[in-house]
Amino acid sequence: MKARSKLIRRKNIFKGYCFDVMSDRVVWPNGVTLERSLIVHPGITVMVPLLDKKHLILIHQYRYGADRALWEVPAGTLKKAEAPLVCARRELQEEIGYLARSWKKLASVYASPGFNTEIMHCYLAQGLEKTKNGLEPDEILEPKIFSLRETKKMIESGKIKDAKTLIALFYFFNGVDSR
């Protein structure tokens, strides 16, 4: 099977603060010409901050789409031409006020590839050292330390509902390396 489509026409129909929406005319891999809408997103980093062998840090963060605070691992949107690990380092300090001495890539996965270019780059951050945070004006969050056991119970009971968090924790808890 031919693995790619061919772009005939692209029109930017919405420019947002962290993504654009395109209206595309494409030739599909099977030769059919179609109209498609596509969210173009720079991607995100998602970090599992491991404090020690038995504890990690989650944040309780307000999310507009859910209109409530959710339990999540720290995460952030890549800036233009920013490398994922650079973003991960920046966001870890901004959101929870820690630097990490050691980083391990857990996975890179598509958020929703049927209509969205966003890729989630998941990392394990270890050797944490406390520093000060630098929250952005729209970030309403509270970091909290949980044991690994408590975190697993939060997943099992449905207290963690954020997909990027569940994906990063899946790779972390299962020791899966999908690079």
C-alpha atoms as a PDB file:
ATOM      1  CA  MET A   1       0.000   0.000   0.000  1.00  0.00           C
ATOM      2  CA  LYS A   2       1.209   3.499  -0.804  1.00  0.00           C
ATOM      3  CA  ALA A   3       1.870   5.070   2.583  1.00  0.00           C
ATOM      4  CA  ARG A   4       1.387   8.786   1.881  1.00  0.00           C
ATOM      5  CA  SER A   5      -1.171  11.173   0.459  1.00  0.00           C
ATOM      6  CA  LYS A   6      -0.404  13.992  -1.974  1.00  0.00           C
ATOM      7  CA  LEU A   7      -1.369  17.528  -1.011  1.00  0.00           C
ATOM      8  CA  ILE A   8      -3.104  19.414  -3.846  1.00  0.00           C
ATOM      9  CA  ARG A   9      -4.261  22.524  -1.962  1.00  0.00           C
ATOM     10  CA  ARG A  10      -4.008  23.824   1.610  1.00  0.00           C
ATOM     11  CA  LYS A  11      -5.877  26.762   3.111  1.00  0.00           C
ATOM     12  CA  ASN A  12      -5.331  27.973   6.675  1.00  0.00           C
ATOM     13  CA  ILE A  13      -8.858  28.485   8.008  1.00  0.00           C
ATOM     14  CA  PHE A  14      -7.953  29.182  11.660  1.00  0.00           C
ATOM     15  CA  LYS A  15      -4.789  30.382  13.393  1.00  0.00           C
ATOM     16  CA  GLY A  16      -4.778  29.675  17.119  1.00  0.00           C
ATOM     17  CA  TYR A  17      -2.325  30.265  19.926  1.00  0.00           C
ATOM     18  CA  CYS A  18      -0.930  26.726  19.788  1.00  0.00           C
ATOM     19  CA  PHE A  19      -2.380  25.156  16.627  1.00  0.00           C
ATOM     20  CA  ASP A  20      -3.730  26.003  13.190  1.00  0.00           C
ATOM     21  CA  VAL A  21      -6.608  24.385  11.316  1.00  0.00           C
ATOM     22  CA  MET A  22      -6.125  23.636   7.633  1.00  0.00           C
ATOM     23  CA  SER A  23      -8.595  22.778   4.918  1.00  0.00           C
ATOM     24  CA  ASP A  24      -6.779  20.421   2.560  1.00  0.00           C
ATOM     25  CA  ARG A  25      -7.534  18.850  -0.794  1.00  0.00           C
ATOM     26  CA  VAL A  26      -5.502  15.651  -1.067  1.00  0.00           C
ATOM     27  CA  VAL A  27      -5.036  12.586  -3.215  1.00  0.00           C
ATOM     28  CA  TRP A  28      -5.416   9.697  -0.762  1.00  0.00           C
ATOM     29  CA  PRO A  29      -2.969   6.757  -0.881  1.00  0.00           C
ATOM     30  CA  ASN A  30      -5.552   4.762  -2.908  1.00  0.00           C
ATOM     31  CA  GLY A  31      -5.834   7.518  -5.563  1.00  0.00           C
ATOM     32  CA  VAL A  32      -9.137   9.030  -4.392  1.00  0.00           C
ATOM     33  CA  THR A  33      -9.265  12.854  -4.156  1.00  0.00           C
ATOM     34  CA  LEU A  34     -10.687  14.076  -0.824  1.00  0.00           C
ATOM     35  CA  GLU A  35     -11.267  17.197   1.255  1.00  0.00           C
ATOM     36  CA  ARG A  36      -9.816  16.929   4.776  1.00  0.00           C
ATOM     37  CA  SER A  37      -9.531  19.214   7.809  1.00  0.00           C
ATOM     38  CA  LEU A  38      -6.273  18.998   9.709  1.00  0.00           C
ATOM     39  CA  ILE A  39      -5.168  20.429  13.037  1.00  0.00           C
ATOM     40  CA  VAL A  40      -1.481  21.349  12.708  1.00  0.00           C
ATOM     41  CA  HIS A  41       0.160  21.267  16.140  1.00  0.00           C
ATOM     42  CA  PRO A  42       3.889  21.537  16.997  1.00  0.00           C
ATOM     43  CA  GLY A  43       3.761  18.626  19.453  1.00  0.00           C
ATOM     44  CA  ILE A  44       4.191  18.327  23.195  1.00  0.00           C
ATOM     45  CA  THR A  45       6.481  16.848  25.768  1.00  0.00           C
ATOM     46  CA  VAL A  46       5.165  14.808  28.670  1.00  0.00           C
ATOM     47  CA  MET A  47       7.358  14.114  31.692  1.00  0.00           C
ATOM     48  CA  VAL A  48       7.124  11.491  34.438  1.00  0.00           C
ATOM     49  CA  PRO A  49       9.087  13.168  37.270  1.00  0.00           C
ATOM     50  CA  LEU A  50      10.410  10.337  39.454  1.00  0.00           C
ATOM     51  CA  LEU A  51      11.402  11.793  42.828  1.00  0.00           C
ATOM     52  CA  ASP A  52      12.896   8.550  44.146  1.00  0.00           C
ATOM     53  CA  LYS A  53      12.356   4.812  43.640  1.00  0.00           C
ATOM     54  CA  LYS A  54       8.885   4.945  45.205  1.00  0.00           C
ATOM     55  CA  HIS A  55       7.517   8.438  44.482  1.00  0.00           C
ATOM     56  CA  LEU A  56       6.639  10.676  41.571  1.00  0.00           C
ATOM     57  CA  ILE A  57       5.134  14.114  41.175  1.00  0.00           C
ATOM     58  CA  LEU A  58       1.739  14.770  39.613  1.00  0.00           C
ATOM     59  CA  ILE A  59       0.065  18.114  39.122  1.00  0.00           C
ATOM     60  CA  HIS A  60      -3.549  19.041  39.699  1.00  0.00           C
ATOM     61  CA  GLN A  61      -4.160  21.420  36.799  1.00  0.00           C
ATOM     62  CA  TYR A  62      -7.198  23.324  35.545  1.00  0.00           C
ATOM     63  CA  ARG A  63      -8.032  22.380  31.945  1.00  0.00           C
ATOM     64  CA  TYR A  64     -10.421  24.520  29.941  1.00  0.00           C
ATOM     65  CA  GLY A  65     -11.664  21.687  27.690  1.00  0.00           C
ATOM     66  CA  ALA A  66     -12.737  19.638  30.724  1.00  0.00           C
ATOM     67  CA  ASP A  67     -13.604  22.772  32.731  1.00  0.00           C
ATOM     68  CA  ARG A  68     -12.074  21.193  35.832  1.00  0.00           C
ATOM     69  CA  ALA A  69      -8.765  20.386  37.431  1.00  0.00           C
ATOM     70  CA  LEU A  70      -7.260  17.066  36.340  1.00  0.00           C
ATOM     71  CA  TRP A  71      -4.421  14.960  37.745  1.00  0.00           C
ATOM     72  CA  GLU A  72      -1.608  14.958  35.208  1.00  0.00           C
ATOM     73  CA  VAL A  73       2.102  14.592  34.758  1.00  0.00           C
ATOM     74  CA  PRO A  74       3.815  17.851  33.743  1.00  0.00           C
ATOM     75  CA  ALA A  75       3.677  18.611  30.018  1.00  0.00           C
ATOM     76  CA  GLY A  76       4.156  21.448  27.592  1.00  0.00           C
ATOM     77  CA  THR A  77       3.890  22.538  23.989  1.00  0.00           C
ATOM     78  CA  LEU A  78       7.015  22.715  21.854  1.00  0.00           C
ATOM     79  CA  LYS A  79       8.001  26.168  20.686  1.00  0.00           C
ATOM     80  CA  LYS A  80       8.823  26.648  16.995  1.00  0.00           C
ATOM     81  CA  ALA A  81      11.889  24.531  16.045  1.00  0.00           C
ATOM     82  CA  GLU A  82      12.406  23.494  19.700  1.00  0.00           C
ATOM     83  CA  ALA A  83      13.791  20.019  20.364  1.00  0.00           C
ATOM     84  CA  PRO A  84      11.489  17.856  22.522  1.00  0.00           C
ATOM     85  CA  LEU A  85      14.072  17.337  25.286  1.00  0.00           C
ATOM     86  CA  VAL A  86      14.731  21.096  25.500  1.00  0.00           C
ATOM     87  CA  CYS A  87      10.988  21.629  25.926  1.00  0.00           C
ATOM     88  CA  ALA A  88      10.809  18.870  28.564  1.00  0.00           C
ATOM     89  CA  ARG A  89      13.573  20.473  30.626  1.00  0.00           C
ATOM     90  CA  ARG A  90      11.942  23.906  30.396  1.00  0.00           C
ATOM     91  CA  GLU A  91       8.468  22.676  31.273  1.00  0.00           C
ATOM     92  CA  LEU A  92       9.610  20.537  34.220  1.00  0.00           C
ATOM     93  CA  GLN A  93      11.138  23.590  35.868  1.00  0.00           C
ATOM     94  CA  GLU A  94       8.263  25.910  34.931  1.00  0.00           C
ATOM     95  CA  GLU A  95       5.510  23.648  36.193  1.00  0.00           C
ATOM     96  CA  ILE A  96       6.900  21.886  39.253  1.00  0.00           C
ATOM     97  CA  GLY A  97      10.127  23.721  40.070  1.00  0.00           C
ATOM     98  CA  TYR A  98      12.580  20.860  39.513  1.00  0.00           C
ATOM     99  CA  LEU A  99      15.629  20.209  37.364  1.00  0.00           C
ATOM    100  CA  ALA A 100      16.474  16.625  36.356  1.00  0.00           C
ATOM    101  CA  ARG A 101      19.994  15.201  36.091  1.00  0.00           C
ATOM    102  CA  SER A 102      18.847  12.218  34.022  1.00  0.00           C
ATOM    103  CA  TRP A 103      16.374  11.909  31.160  1.00  0.00           C
ATOM    104  CA  LYS A 104      15.113   8.796  29.387  1.00  0.00           C
ATOM    105  CA  LYS A 105      12.871   8.835  26.336  1.00  0.00           C
ATOM    106  CA  LEU A 106       9.871   6.571  26.964  1.00  0.00           C
ATOM    107  CA  ALA A 107       7.900   6.982  23.737  1.00  0.00           C
ATOM    108  CA  SER A 108       6.715   9.267  20.950  1.00  0.00           C
ATOM    109  CA  VAL A 109       3.067   8.714  20.045  1.00  0.00           C
ATOM    110  CA  TYR A 110       0.413  10.463  17.971  1.00  0.00           C
ATOM    111  CA  ALA A 111      -2.390  12.120  19.929  1.00  0.00           C
ATOM    112  CA  SER A 112      -5.134  11.585  17.349  1.00  0.00           C
ATOM    113  CA  PRO A 113      -3.691  11.052  13.857  1.00  0.00           C
ATOM    114  CA  GLY A 114      -7.005  10.954  12.020  1.00  0.00           C
ATOM    115  CA  PHE A 115      -7.168  14.769  12.046  1.00  0.00           C
ATOM    116  CA  ASN A 116      -4.240  16.067  14.099  1.00  0.00           C
ATOM    117  CA  THR A 117      -0.438  16.272  13.595  1.00  0.00           C
ATOM    118  CA  GLU A 118       0.336  16.449  17.340  1.00  0.00           C
ATOM    119  CA  ILE A 119       3.036  14.068  18.573  1.00  0.00           C
ATOM    120  CA  MET A 120       3.509  13.455  22.303  1.00  0.00           C
ATOM    121  CA  HIS A 121       7.140  12.921  23.329  1.00  0.00           C
ATOM    122  CA  CYS A 122       7.175  11.109  26.691  1.00  0.00           C
ATOM    123  CA  TYR A 123      10.171  11.223  29.034  1.00  0.00           C
ATOM    124  CA  LEU A 124      11.221   9.895  32.414  1.00  0.00           C
ATOM    125  CA  ALA A 125      12.933  12.609  34.494  1.00  0.00           C
ATOM    126  CA  GLN A 126      15.164  11.381  37.344  1.00  0.00           C
ATOM    127  CA  GLY A 127      17.718  12.807  39.762  1.00  0.00           C
ATOM    128  CA  LEU A 128      15.411  15.692  40.575  1.00  0.00           C
ATOM    129  CA  GLU A 129      16.769  18.815  42.243  1.00  0.00           C
ATOM    130  CA  LYS A 130      14.419  21.450  43.673  1.00  0.00           C
ATOM    131  CA  THR A 131      14.601  24.926  42.158  1.00  0.00           C
ATOM    132  CA  LYS A 132      11.943  27.580  41.667  1.00  0.00           C
ATOM    133  CA  ASN A 133       9.089  27.286  39.211  1.00  0.00           C
ATOM    134  CA  GLY A 134       8.019  29.835  36.614  1.00  0.00           C
ATOM    135  CA  LEU A 135       4.334  29.332  35.877  1.00  0.00           C
ATOM    136  CA  GLU A 136       2.798  30.983  32.846  1.00  0.00           C
ATOM    137  CA  PRO A 137      -0.219  33.291  33.473  1.00  0.00           C
ATOM    138  CA  ASP A 138      -2.696  30.647  32.219  1.00  0.00           C
ATOM    139  CA  GLU A 139      -1.253  27.818  34.333  1.00  0.00           C
ATOM    140  CA  ILE A 140      -3.332  27.071  37.404  1.00  0.00           C
ATOM    141  CA  LEU A 141      -1.730  24.019  38.941  1.00  0.00           C
ATOM    142  CA  GLU A 142      -0.579  22.434  42.146  1.00  0.00           C
ATOM    143  CA  PRO A 143       2.201  19.806  42.272  1.00  0.00           C
ATOM    144  CA  LYS A 144       1.824  16.915  44.697  1.00  0.00           C
ATOM    145  CA  ILE A 145       4.008  13.904  45.534  1.00  0.00           C
ATOM    146  CA  PHE A 146       2.404  10.458  45.212  1.00  0.00           C
ATOM    147  CA  SER A 147       3.764   7.007  45.805  1.00  0.00           C
ATOM    148  CA  LEU A 148       3.892   4.750  42.761  1.00  0.00           C
ATOM    149  CA  ARG A 149       1.313   2.567  44.468  1.00  0.00           C
ATOM    150  CA  GLU A 150      -1.062   5.533  44.991  1.00  0.00           C
ATOM    151  CA  THR A 151      -0.586   6.536  41.358  1.00  0.00           C
ATOM    152  CA  LYS A 152      -1.514   3.048  40.130  1.00  0.00           C
ATOM    153  CA  LYS A 153      -4.645   3.159  42.316  1.00  0.00           C
ATOM    154  CA  MET A 154      -5.560   6.544  40.835  1.00  0.00           C
ATOM    155  CA  ILE A 155      -5.322   5.008  37.358  1.00  0.00           C
ATOM    156  CA  GLU A 156      -7.372   1.938  38.335  1.00  0.00           C
ATOM    157  CA  SER A 157     -10.075   4.017  40.034  1.00  0.00           C
ATOM    158  CA  GLY A 158     -10.383   6.465  37.124  1.00  0.00           C
ATOM    159  CA  LYS A 159      -9.061   9.487  39.058  1.00  0.00           C
ATOM    160  CA  ILE A 160      -6.523  10.063  36.298  1.00  0.00           C
ATOM    161  CA  LYS A 161      -8.517  10.848  33.147  1.00  0.00           C
ATOM    162  CA  ASP A 162      -5.916  12.703  31.072  1.00  0.00           C
ATOM    163  CA  ALA A 163      -4.804  10.673  28.035  1.00  0.00           C
ATOM    164  CA  LYS A 164      -1.238  12.007  27.786  1.00  0.00           C
ATOM    165  CA  THR A 165      -0.721  11.189  31.461  1.00  0.00           C
ATOM    166  CA  LEU A 166      -2.132   7.690  31.076  1.00  0.00           C
ATOM    167  CA  ILE A 167       0.087   7.050  28.047  1.00  0.00           C
ATOM    168  CA  ALA A 168       3.276   8.281  29.751  1.00  0.00           C
ATOM    169  CA  LEU A 169       2.480   6.303  32.916  1.00  0.00           C
ATOM    170  CA  PHE A 170       1.737   3.195  30.842  1.00  0.00           C
ATOM    171  CA  TYR A 171       5.222   3.324  29.307  1.00  0.00           C
ATOM    172  CA  PHE A 172       6.785   4.120  32.670  1.00  0.00           C
ATOM    173  CA  PHE A 173       5.052   1.376  34.677  1.00  0.00           C
ATOM    174  CA  ASN A 174       5.440  -1.238  31.962  1.00  0.00           C
ATOM    175  CA  GLY A 175       9.044  -0.477  31.099  1.00  0.00           C
ATOM    176  CA  VAL A 176       8.096  -0.365  27.433  1.00  0.00           C
ATOM    177  CA  ASP A 177      10.550   1.367  25.131  1.00  0.00           C
ATOM    178  CA  SER A 178       8.746   2.353  21.911  1.00  0.00           C
ATOM    179  CA  ARG A 179      11.410   4.557  20.365  1.00  0.00           C
END
